Protein backbone atom coordinates (compact mmCIF):
# COMPACT_ATOMS: atom_id res chain seq x y z
CA UNK A 1 88.92 95.36 63.77
CA UNK A 2 88.77 92.42 61.38
CA UNK A 3 92.52 92.27 60.92
CA UNK A 4 92.76 91.04 64.54
CA UNK A 5 90.23 88.24 64.22
CA UNK A 6 92.71 85.55 65.16
CA UNK A 7 93.94 87.18 68.37
CA UNK A 8 91.48 85.68 70.92
CA UNK A 9 92.11 82.10 69.81
CA UNK A 10 95.88 82.66 69.83
CA UNK A 11 95.83 84.37 73.20
CA UNK A 12 93.70 81.62 74.64
CA UNK A 13 96.05 78.93 73.31
CA UNK A 14 99.08 80.70 74.70
CA UNK A 15 97.42 81.13 78.06
CA UNK A 16 96.54 77.46 78.30
CA UNK A 17 100.16 76.71 77.50
CA UNK A 18 101.28 79.21 80.14
CA UNK A 19 98.91 77.75 82.71
CA UNK A 20 100.37 74.32 82.07
CA UNK A 21 103.81 75.64 83.01
CA UNK A 22 105.27 75.25 79.53
CA UNK A 23 107.03 77.82 77.37
CA UNK A 24 105.93 78.93 73.93
CA UNK A 25 107.48 77.59 70.78
CA UNK A 26 111.00 78.93 70.40
CA UNK A 27 111.64 79.73 74.05
CA UNK A 28 115.19 79.06 75.17
CA UNK A 29 115.67 76.02 77.41
CA UNK A 30 116.13 77.18 80.98
CA UNK A 31 114.83 76.67 84.47
CA UNK A 32 111.03 77.20 84.56
CA UNK A 33 111.35 80.39 86.62
CA UNK A 34 113.55 81.88 83.90
CA UNK A 35 111.90 80.52 80.74
CA UNK A 36 110.78 83.07 78.19
CA UNK A 37 107.51 84.73 79.11
CA UNK A 38 104.78 83.85 76.59
CA UNK A 39 103.56 86.75 74.44
CA UNK A 40 100.06 85.83 75.58
CA UNK A 41 100.73 86.96 79.15
CA UNK A 42 100.99 90.67 78.31
CA UNK A 43 98.62 93.13 80.02
CA UNK A 44 96.93 94.99 78.38
CA UNK A 45 96.35 92.31 75.74
CA UNK A 46 98.01 93.35 72.47
CA UNK A 47 95.93 93.87 69.36
CA UNK A 48 97.78 91.21 67.36
CA UNK A 49 100.20 88.49 68.49
CA UNK A 50 102.21 86.13 66.30
CA UNK A 51 104.38 84.00 68.57
CA UNK A 52 107.14 81.70 67.39
CA UNK A 53 110.69 81.55 66.14
CA UNK A 54 113.98 81.86 67.97
CA UNK A 55 114.18 83.83 71.21
CA UNK A 56 116.57 86.70 71.93
CA UNK A 57 118.80 86.68 74.98
CA UNK A 58 120.10 89.86 76.61
CA UNK A 59 123.78 89.44 77.52
CA UNK A 60 126.70 91.53 78.65
CA UNK A 61 127.23 92.49 75.03
CA UNK A 62 123.72 93.84 74.45
CA UNK A 63 123.39 97.44 73.26
CA UNK A 64 120.26 99.58 72.91
CA UNK A 65 120.44 101.08 69.43
CA UNK A 66 118.39 104.18 68.66
CA UNK A 67 118.00 106.42 65.65
CA UNK A 68 119.27 109.99 65.79
CA UNK A 69 116.19 111.52 67.41
CA UNK A 70 116.37 112.82 70.98
CA UNK A 71 112.97 111.23 71.66
CA UNK A 72 114.17 107.74 70.79
CA UNK A 73 117.33 108.27 72.84
CA UNK A 74 115.28 109.29 75.90
CA UNK A 75 113.18 106.12 75.62
CA UNK A 76 116.37 104.12 75.16
CA UNK A 77 117.91 105.59 78.31
CA UNK A 78 114.69 104.86 80.21
CA UNK A 79 114.88 101.23 79.12
CA UNK A 80 118.59 101.01 80.00
CA UNK A 81 117.85 102.37 83.48
CA UNK A 82 115.43 99.49 83.99
CA UNK A 83 117.73 96.78 82.65
CA UNK A 84 121.09 97.74 84.17
CA UNK A 85 120.47 97.20 87.93
CA UNK A 86 118.97 93.72 87.65
CA UNK A 87 121.12 92.33 84.84
CA UNK A 88 124.35 93.94 86.00
CA UNK A 89 125.19 94.65 82.35
CA UNK A 90 126.46 97.98 80.95
CA UNK A 91 123.83 98.12 78.17
CA UNK A 92 125.05 101.27 76.41
CA UNK A 93 122.63 103.38 74.37
CA UNK A 94 124.10 104.08 70.94
CA UNK A 95 123.07 105.17 67.46
CA UNK A 96 125.64 102.90 65.77
CA UNK A 97 125.74 99.25 64.84
CA UNK A 98 123.11 96.60 64.41
CA UNK A 99 121.46 93.88 66.48
CA UNK A 100 120.66 94.05 70.17
CA UNK A 101 117.59 96.04 71.17
CA UNK A 102 116.60 98.56 68.50
CA UNK A 103 114.20 101.49 68.91
CA UNK A 104 113.06 102.96 65.60
CA UNK A 105 110.80 105.89 64.81
CA UNK A 106 108.99 105.68 61.49
CA UNK A 107 105.96 104.08 59.90
CA UNK A 108 102.49 105.32 60.76
CA UNK A 109 100.27 102.29 60.29
CA UNK A 110 99.70 101.83 64.04
CA UNK A 111 98.90 105.44 64.93
CA UNK A 112 100.32 107.89 67.44
CA UNK A 113 100.58 105.40 70.33
CA UNK A 114 100.94 102.12 68.50
CA UNK A 115 104.08 100.05 68.06
CA UNK A 116 105.44 96.88 66.50
CA UNK A 117 107.72 94.57 68.46
CA UNK A 118 109.76 91.95 66.62
CA UNK A 119 111.87 89.47 68.59
CA UNK A 120 114.26 86.93 67.13
CA UNK A 121 117.71 85.44 67.54
CA UNK A 122 119.54 88.61 66.43
CA UNK A 123 117.65 91.04 68.64
CA UNK A 124 114.46 92.86 69.55
CA UNK A 125 113.21 95.75 67.42
CA UNK A 126 110.47 98.15 68.52
CA UNK A 127 109.15 100.38 65.72
CA UNK A 128 106.65 103.21 66.19
CA UNK A 129 105.47 106.34 64.42
CA UNK A 130 105.91 108.47 67.53
CA UNK A 131 107.94 108.22 70.71
CA UNK A 132 104.82 107.42 72.77
CA UNK A 133 104.56 104.19 70.79
CA UNK A 134 108.20 103.35 71.47
CA UNK A 135 107.57 103.90 75.17
CA UNK A 136 104.50 101.65 75.17
CA UNK A 137 106.49 99.02 73.30
CA UNK A 138 109.13 99.18 76.03
CA UNK A 139 106.44 98.43 78.64
CA UNK A 140 105.54 95.32 76.65
CA UNK A 141 109.21 94.32 76.45
CA UNK A 142 109.46 94.61 80.24
CA UNK A 143 106.62 92.10 80.61
CA UNK A 144 108.31 89.70 78.20
CA UNK A 145 111.33 89.56 80.51
CA UNK A 146 111.38 87.75 83.88
CA UNK A 147 109.80 89.70 86.72
CA UNK A 148 113.19 89.92 88.41
CA UNK A 149 114.22 92.47 85.77
CA UNK A 150 112.35 95.03 87.91
CA UNK A 151 114.61 94.57 90.94
CA UNK A 152 117.28 97.12 91.84
CA UNK A 153 120.04 94.59 92.57
CA UNK A 154 121.80 92.08 90.31
CA UNK A 155 119.68 88.97 89.71
CA UNK A 156 120.49 85.62 88.06
CA UNK A 157 119.58 85.32 84.40
CA UNK A 158 119.05 84.28 81.75
CA UNK A 159 117.23 87.33 80.31
CA UNK A 160 115.35 85.74 77.44
CA UNK A 161 112.68 87.31 75.22
CA UNK A 162 110.49 84.83 73.33
CA UNK A 163 110.48 85.01 69.54
CA UNK A 164 107.61 86.52 67.61
CA UNK A 165 105.86 89.71 66.56
CA UNK A 166 103.37 91.99 68.33
CA UNK A 167 101.46 94.69 66.46
CA UNK A 168 99.63 96.89 68.90
CA UNK A 169 97.62 100.10 69.16
CA UNK A 170 95.00 101.34 71.64
CA UNK A 171 91.24 101.01 71.38
CA UNK A 172 90.71 104.39 73.05
CA UNK A 173 92.78 107.56 73.14
CA UNK A 174 91.83 108.39 76.75
CA UNK A 175 93.07 105.86 79.30
CA UNK A 176 93.15 107.56 82.64
CA UNK A 177 93.56 107.28 86.37
CA UNK A 178 92.51 109.93 88.87
CA UNK A 179 94.27 110.61 92.16
CA UNK A 180 92.40 112.66 94.77
CA UNK A 181 95.07 114.75 96.49
CA UNK A 182 92.48 116.90 98.27
CA UNK A 183 91.01 114.53 100.87
CA UNK A 184 94.54 113.52 101.75
CA UNK A 185 97.59 115.29 100.34
CA UNK A 186 100.27 113.35 98.48
CA UNK A 187 103.78 114.65 97.91
CA UNK A 188 105.41 115.11 94.51
CA UNK A 189 107.41 111.94 95.15
CA UNK A 190 104.31 109.92 95.93
CA UNK A 191 102.59 111.16 92.78
CA UNK A 192 105.67 110.26 90.72
CA UNK A 193 105.58 106.75 92.13
CA UNK A 194 101.97 106.38 91.00
CA UNK A 195 102.85 107.77 87.56
CA UNK A 196 105.47 105.04 87.14
CA UNK A 197 102.90 102.41 88.09
CA UNK A 198 100.37 103.81 85.62
CA UNK A 199 102.95 103.83 82.83
CA UNK A 200 103.50 100.08 83.26
CA UNK A 201 100.05 99.48 81.79
CA UNK A 202 100.03 102.18 79.09
CA UNK A 203 97.75 104.59 80.97
CA UNK A 204 98.12 108.00 79.32
CA UNK A 205 96.14 110.43 81.50
CA UNK A 206 96.68 111.44 85.14
CA UNK A 207 93.66 113.31 86.46
CA UNK A 208 94.58 115.25 89.63
CA UNK A 209 91.65 116.26 91.85
CA UNK A 210 93.26 119.45 93.17
CA UNK A 211 90.49 121.04 95.21
CA UNK A 212 87.68 119.95 97.48
CA UNK A 213 86.02 120.78 100.77
CA UNK A 214 88.95 119.38 102.75
CA UNK A 215 91.85 120.98 100.94
CA UNK A 216 93.04 123.25 98.12
CA UNK A 217 96.26 121.84 96.66
CA UNK A 218 97.60 124.23 93.98
CA UNK A 219 99.15 127.65 94.55
CA UNK A 220 97.28 130.47 92.79
CA UNK A 221 99.26 133.71 92.88
CA UNK A 222 96.23 136.00 92.58
CA UNK A 223 94.42 134.21 95.46
CA UNK A 224 97.28 133.08 97.74
CA UNK A 225 95.17 132.05 100.77
CA UNK A 226 93.66 129.23 98.71
CA UNK A 227 96.88 127.28 99.27
CA UNK A 228 98.23 128.69 102.52
CA UNK A 229 94.89 128.53 104.37
CA UNK A 230 92.72 126.24 102.24
CA UNK A 231 95.57 123.75 101.85
CA UNK A 232 96.44 123.61 105.54
CA UNK A 233 94.37 120.56 106.48
CA UNK A 234 92.88 117.31 105.20
CA UNK A 235 90.43 114.58 106.23
CA UNK A 236 90.91 113.89 109.92
CA UNK A 237 92.68 117.21 110.52
CA UNK A 238 96.20 116.36 109.35
CA UNK A 239 98.67 118.98 108.08
CA UNK A 240 97.51 118.88 104.46
CA UNK A 241 99.81 120.59 102.01
CA UNK A 242 99.84 122.10 98.54
CA UNK A 243 101.87 122.16 95.36
CA UNK A 244 103.79 125.26 94.46
CA UNK A 245 103.68 126.03 90.76
CA UNK A 246 107.20 124.59 90.52
CA UNK A 247 105.97 121.39 92.21
CA UNK A 248 103.07 121.10 89.79
CA UNK A 249 105.32 121.74 86.79
CA UNK A 250 107.62 118.95 88.01
CA UNK A 251 104.67 116.54 88.21
CA UNK A 252 103.64 117.58 84.68
CA UNK A 253 107.22 117.15 83.42
CA UNK A 254 107.63 113.75 85.02
CA UNK A 255 104.25 112.57 83.73
CA UNK A 256 105.23 113.69 80.22
CA UNK A 257 108.46 111.70 80.49
CA UNK A 258 106.22 108.64 80.98
CA UNK A 259 103.83 109.78 78.21
CA UNK A 260 101.03 110.73 80.57
CA UNK A 261 99.09 113.98 80.17
CA UNK A 262 98.04 115.69 83.40
CA UNK A 263 94.35 116.65 83.62
CA UNK A 264 93.92 119.11 86.51
CA UNK A 265 90.56 119.43 88.24
CA UNK A 266 89.17 122.37 90.18
CA UNK A 267 85.80 121.14 91.43
CA UNK A 268 83.00 123.74 91.35
CA UNK A 269 80.50 125.13 92.22
CA UNK A 270 80.24 122.48 94.98
CA UNK A 271 83.07 120.76 96.85
CA UNK A 272 84.45 124.25 97.54
CA UNK A 273 84.62 124.67 101.32
CA UNK A 274 88.42 125.09 101.31
CA UNK A 275 88.05 128.03 98.90
CA UNK A 276 85.05 129.46 100.78
CA UNK A 277 87.01 129.30 104.04
CA UNK A 278 89.96 131.05 102.42
CA UNK A 279 88.00 134.02 101.04
CA UNK A 280 84.85 135.32 102.75
CA UNK A 281 83.75 137.24 99.65
CA UNK A 282 83.12 133.98 97.76
CA UNK A 283 80.24 133.25 100.17
CA UNK A 284 76.81 134.71 99.51
CA UNK A 285 76.63 135.94 103.13
CA UNK A 286 80.22 137.24 103.13
CA UNK A 287 81.13 134.99 106.07
CA UNK A 288 83.92 132.44 105.70
CA UNK A 289 83.10 129.01 107.13
CA UNK A 290 85.69 127.10 109.16
CA UNK A 291 88.01 124.62 107.49
CA UNK A 292 86.45 121.19 107.08
CA UNK A 293 88.05 117.83 107.89
CA UNK A 294 85.10 115.44 107.58
CA UNK A 295 83.89 113.37 104.64
CA UNK A 296 80.33 114.57 104.00
CA UNK A 297 79.56 115.98 100.54
CA UNK A 298 77.14 118.38 98.93
CA UNK A 299 77.02 121.15 101.55
CA UNK A 300 79.20 123.83 99.94
CA UNK A 301 78.70 126.14 96.95
CA UNK A 302 80.31 129.16 95.39
CA UNK A 303 77.96 132.16 95.29
CA UNK A 304 76.64 131.95 91.74
CA UNK A 305 75.18 135.48 91.64
CA UNK A 306 78.29 137.39 92.77
CA UNK A 307 80.56 138.97 90.16
CA UNK A 308 83.61 138.19 92.32
CA UNK A 309 82.91 134.47 91.86
CA UNK A 310 83.65 134.75 88.16
CA UNK A 311 86.74 136.89 88.76
CA UNK A 312 87.92 134.08 91.03
CA UNK A 313 87.13 131.36 88.47
CA UNK A 314 88.82 133.30 85.67
CA UNK A 315 91.99 133.82 87.70
CA UNK A 316 92.22 130.19 88.82
CA UNK A 317 91.62 128.77 85.35
CA UNK A 318 94.01 131.29 83.75
CA UNK A 319 96.85 130.46 86.13
CA UNK A 320 96.26 126.71 86.01
CA UNK A 321 95.93 126.61 82.22
CA UNK A 322 99.22 128.50 81.90
CA UNK A 323 101.16 125.70 83.62
CA UNK A 324 99.20 122.80 82.08
CA UNK A 325 100.40 121.82 78.60
CA UNK A 326 97.70 119.13 78.22
CA UNK A 327 94.47 119.80 76.38
CA UNK A 328 91.95 119.26 79.20
CA UNK A 329 90.87 121.23 82.26
CA UNK A 330 88.32 119.55 84.52
CA UNK A 331 85.76 121.78 86.27
CA UNK A 332 84.08 119.10 88.40
CA UNK A 333 80.41 119.91 88.72
CA UNK A 334 79.31 116.88 90.75
CA UNK A 335 77.26 116.77 93.95
CA UNK A 336 76.39 120.49 93.86
CA UNK A 337 73.44 119.80 96.15
CA UNK A 338 73.54 123.27 97.71
CA UNK A 339 73.19 124.94 94.30
CA UNK A 340 69.75 125.18 92.70
CA UNK A 341 69.39 123.69 89.23
CA UNK A 342 68.87 127.14 87.71
CA UNK A 343 71.99 128.47 89.44
CA UNK A 344 73.98 125.40 88.39
CA UNK A 345 73.04 125.92 84.73
CA UNK A 346 73.84 129.63 85.01
CA UNK A 347 77.22 128.89 86.59
CA UNK A 348 78.25 126.30 84.00
CA UNK A 349 77.14 128.58 81.16
CA UNK A 350 79.50 131.25 82.54
CA UNK A 351 82.44 129.00 83.40
CA UNK A 352 82.77 126.71 80.38
CA UNK A 353 83.70 129.55 78.00
CA UNK A 354 86.46 130.61 80.43
CA UNK A 355 88.14 127.23 79.94
CA UNK A 356 88.03 127.71 76.16
CA UNK A 357 89.32 131.28 76.51
CA UNK A 358 92.53 129.90 77.98
CA UNK A 359 92.93 127.26 75.30
CA UNK A 360 91.65 124.16 77.07
CA UNK A 361 88.91 121.60 76.49
CA UNK A 362 86.24 121.38 79.19
CA UNK A 363 85.90 118.19 81.19
CA UNK A 364 83.33 117.75 83.93
CA UNK A 365 81.59 115.01 85.86
CA UNK A 366 78.48 113.77 84.08
CA UNK A 367 76.22 116.15 85.99
CA UNK A 368 77.50 118.70 83.45
CA UNK A 369 75.03 117.13 81.01
CA UNK A 370 72.23 118.54 83.17
CA UNK A 371 73.35 121.98 82.02
CA UNK A 372 74.43 122.71 78.44
CA UNK A 373 77.83 121.19 77.64
CA UNK A 374 79.79 123.37 75.22
CA UNK A 375 80.84 121.94 71.87
CA UNK A 376 83.72 119.53 72.35
CA UNK A 377 83.17 119.08 76.09
CA UNK A 378 83.90 115.74 77.76
CA UNK A 379 81.55 114.37 80.42
CA UNK A 380 82.96 111.84 82.88
CA UNK A 381 80.30 109.30 83.83
CA UNK A 382 80.56 107.98 87.39
CA UNK A 383 77.09 106.46 87.85
CA UNK A 384 76.30 102.89 88.81
CA UNK A 385 74.73 99.96 87.02
CA UNK A 386 71.52 100.85 88.87
CA UNK A 387 71.67 104.61 88.34
CA UNK A 388 68.24 105.78 87.24
CA UNK A 389 67.27 105.35 83.60
CA UNK A 390 66.43 109.07 83.53
CA UNK A 391 69.94 110.10 84.55
CA UNK A 392 71.54 107.67 82.11
CA UNK A 393 69.27 108.96 79.33
CA UNK A 394 70.37 112.54 80.05
CA UNK A 395 74.00 111.55 79.61
CA UNK A 396 73.23 109.47 76.50
CA UNK A 397 71.35 112.38 74.93
CA UNK A 398 74.33 114.67 75.46
CA UNK A 399 76.53 112.02 73.84
CA UNK A 400 74.14 111.82 70.89
CA UNK A 401 74.51 115.60 70.56
CA UNK A 402 78.30 115.47 70.40
CA UNK A 403 79.52 115.45 74.01
CA UNK A 404 82.34 112.97 74.46
CA UNK A 405 82.23 110.46 77.31
CA UNK A 406 84.91 109.08 79.59
CA UNK A 407 83.52 106.15 81.58
CA UNK A 408 84.28 105.77 85.30
CA UNK A 409 81.30 103.80 86.66
CA UNK A 410 81.76 103.86 90.42
CA UNK A 411 80.69 100.26 90.97
CA UNK A 412 83.23 99.13 88.36
CA UNK A 413 86.21 101.50 88.23
CA UNK A 414 86.34 103.43 91.51
CA UNK A 415 89.54 102.11 93.03
CA UNK A 416 88.54 103.27 96.51
CA UNK A 417 85.64 100.83 96.69
CA UNK A 418 86.29 97.91 99.03
CA UNK A 419 87.02 94.56 97.40
CA UNK A 420 85.06 92.70 100.08
CA UNK A 421 83.32 93.63 103.31
CA UNK A 422 86.58 92.84 105.12
CA UNK A 423 88.81 95.19 103.09
CA UNK A 424 90.51 97.44 105.68
CA UNK A 425 90.59 100.48 103.40
CA UNK A 426 88.08 102.19 101.15
CA UNK A 427 84.34 102.72 101.09
CA UNK A 428 81.34 100.68 100.00
CA UNK A 429 78.65 103.21 99.05
CA UNK A 430 78.82 102.01 95.43
CA UNK A 431 79.02 98.38 96.51
CA UNK A 432 81.86 95.89 96.81
CA UNK A 433 84.07 95.76 93.72
CA UNK A 434 86.11 92.59 93.35
CA UNK A 435 88.58 92.20 90.49
CA UNK A 436 86.24 90.40 88.12
CA UNK A 437 83.49 92.97 88.54
CA UNK A 438 85.98 95.75 87.84
CA UNK A 439 87.13 94.11 84.60
CA UNK A 440 84.12 92.30 83.22
CA UNK A 441 82.20 94.92 81.24
CA UNK A 442 82.56 96.62 77.85
CA UNK A 443 82.91 100.42 77.65
CA UNK A 444 81.63 100.33 74.07
CA UNK A 445 78.11 99.26 75.02
CA UNK A 446 77.92 100.11 78.72
CA UNK A 447 75.67 103.18 78.67
CA UNK A 448 72.30 102.60 76.96
CA UNK A 449 71.69 105.00 74.09
CA UNK A 450 75.19 106.44 74.04
CA UNK A 451 76.77 105.95 70.62
CA UNK A 452 80.02 103.99 70.75
CA UNK A 453 81.64 106.80 68.75
CA UNK A 454 81.11 109.13 71.74
CA UNK A 455 83.22 106.99 74.08
CA UNK A 456 86.64 108.59 74.43
CA UNK A 457 87.89 106.03 76.92
CA UNK A 458 87.91 105.04 80.57
CA UNK A 459 89.33 106.35 83.82
CA UNK A 460 89.86 104.67 87.19
CA UNK A 461 89.48 107.23 90.01
CA UNK A 462 91.01 106.78 93.45
CA UNK A 463 89.30 108.93 96.08
CA UNK A 464 91.33 109.22 99.25
CA UNK A 465 89.04 109.64 102.25
CA UNK A 466 90.69 106.52 103.73
CA UNK A 467 93.93 106.52 101.71
CA UNK A 468 96.94 107.95 103.59
CA UNK A 469 100.11 106.79 101.81
CA UNK A 470 101.62 105.01 98.81
CA UNK A 471 101.09 101.57 100.36
CA UNK A 472 97.37 102.32 100.56
CA UNK A 473 97.35 103.50 96.93
CA UNK A 474 99.08 100.32 95.81
CA UNK A 475 96.71 98.03 97.70
CA UNK A 476 93.57 99.62 96.29
CA UNK A 477 94.89 100.09 92.74
CA UNK A 478 96.38 96.62 92.34
CA UNK A 479 95.13 94.34 90.92
CA UNK A 480 92.20 96.41 89.57
CA UNK A 481 94.14 99.13 87.76
CA UNK A 482 95.61 96.84 85.05
CA UNK A 483 92.07 95.71 84.18
CA UNK A 484 90.95 99.30 83.73
CA UNK A 485 94.00 99.89 81.55
CA UNK A 486 93.12 96.85 79.44
CA UNK A 487 89.55 98.08 78.99
CA UNK A 488 91.02 101.27 77.54
CA UNK A 489 93.76 99.73 75.42
CA UNK A 490 92.83 96.28 74.14
CA UNK A 491 90.44 95.35 71.32
CA UNK A 492 87.02 94.21 72.54
CA UNK A 493 87.69 90.88 70.81
CA UNK A 494 90.40 90.03 73.38
CA UNK A 495 88.13 90.64 76.36
CA UNK A 496 87.66 87.43 78.34
CA UNK A 497 87.80 87.04 82.13
CA UNK A 498 88.99 83.44 82.12
CA UNK A 499 92.08 84.22 80.07
CA UNK A 500 92.61 87.66 81.62
CA UNK A 501 92.81 86.30 85.17
CA UNK A 502 95.71 84.05 84.12
CA UNK A 503 97.57 86.98 82.55
CA UNK A 504 96.82 89.09 85.61
CA UNK A 505 98.15 86.40 87.94
CA UNK A 506 101.45 86.47 86.06
CA UNK A 507 101.83 90.14 87.01
CA UNK A 508 102.02 89.31 90.73
CA UNK A 509 105.76 88.47 90.82
CA UNK A 510 106.47 91.69 88.92
CA UNK A 511 104.64 93.72 91.56
CA UNK A 512 106.57 91.86 94.23
CA UNK A 513 109.82 92.83 92.49
CA UNK A 514 108.68 96.46 92.25
CA UNK A 515 107.63 96.63 95.89
CA UNK A 516 103.95 97.05 95.06
CA UNK A 517 101.83 95.54 97.84
CA UNK A 518 98.58 94.28 96.31
CA UNK A 519 95.34 92.57 97.22
CA UNK A 520 95.66 88.85 96.53
CA UNK A 521 92.13 88.34 95.26
CA UNK A 522 90.89 84.74 95.56
CA UNK A 523 89.39 85.21 92.08
CA UNK A 524 92.90 85.24 90.56
CA UNK A 525 95.16 82.13 90.32
CA UNK A 526 98.30 83.75 91.73
CA UNK A 527 101.54 81.77 91.43
CA UNK A 528 102.38 79.74 94.51
CA UNK A 529 104.83 81.48 96.83
């Protein structure tokens, strides 16, 4: 990306300025806590930053001006809903007039998700080819305003945006986060809260792990006991729960309003005890096991040689695909220790075409590469730095043959790994994952032998064996999630821990304002107080 060659030096300069407590050139004079936020503090780092010129100040006379499209108006209303409570201003959304904050659709140079943000004395203009770009530009604008803009009560101003231009577009098209709702169930409201947090950092995929040994979480009309029986418990024996189809559609709708695509996962042939307990005929011996509330893995398997297994798979995928507008359907495939290799290959050969039959692209954990991934399939790599060379080579070979890769190395991006030995939540089987370790690697050259062209992006999974509520989600996701988002969005040329940790530290007051309780890593120079 040669056109962005000057970005690292500029970002570094801005960050040194920010660290010194000064404002960038052109920032309005004000108390330090309300000076204009430097462009160089944005997370994820923009592709191109040109700071300077006069700032813009939001006042009681500010309007949000949109073109005639309903998409631009929806983004404008979203922005107004953020600005009104904290500023106390009316901030009408209108298609008339000039100046103020302008949202414009048109111009394709920055792609489907890219945007341009121009700030000066007369206003702020965000221009994008598609509404997703406008929305991402709005997230950047939020970060250019004081953190207090996120509060739900009127705060003192001024509300100043530094002058300059940002031109931005993502490195990768897949920038995901996974929430395991099977080990512990999370309500529609809790999932929506996480969606809003993901949107802050331009994440565009929400992977929902909807089935596992401990719980089945989506209603399937043709197999109703999956939800009513299989969804009736969780780790530790709690009440569990499941999403009706209306619930799931509401999650999908809400995610789409934040420009996230839902990727549903039905894990198979392993991780299936909830299904096996719900229907005896899915077991090779015809005997349903009891519901399971522990945390062991690898003991369950669908009966690969029974015809009813494939009737079951077809029905589940058909019903789930029908209510999933996104392109992907994840079929799991990991830790199938109770399935022989031959049976695993046979099962995946039968199941992958079913996904295509219902119009979706197959995703699976990287063990799928031990079978024969269909053309266009995506393998999600969750190995470790010290995973065997043989296993890595198997994944790399599949990538060389056309299988796309989404990278989720467990000792880098698993958000349920403990930060330190003293972290009260999470696990440590993949090691301890502090903030720097989570951020400081390059997806483009991480997996030996895998061509960089095969990398579709990154995903940060949050498994929930120890995660019970939104406060737990927040603590484990923040501050690591923004780093994962930056790995997916920002050019490799901007990647630098020493400057990133300063930008990350500046996010702390914003999380405070949003009510996000986070781990105050000693590796990050958080603002005092």
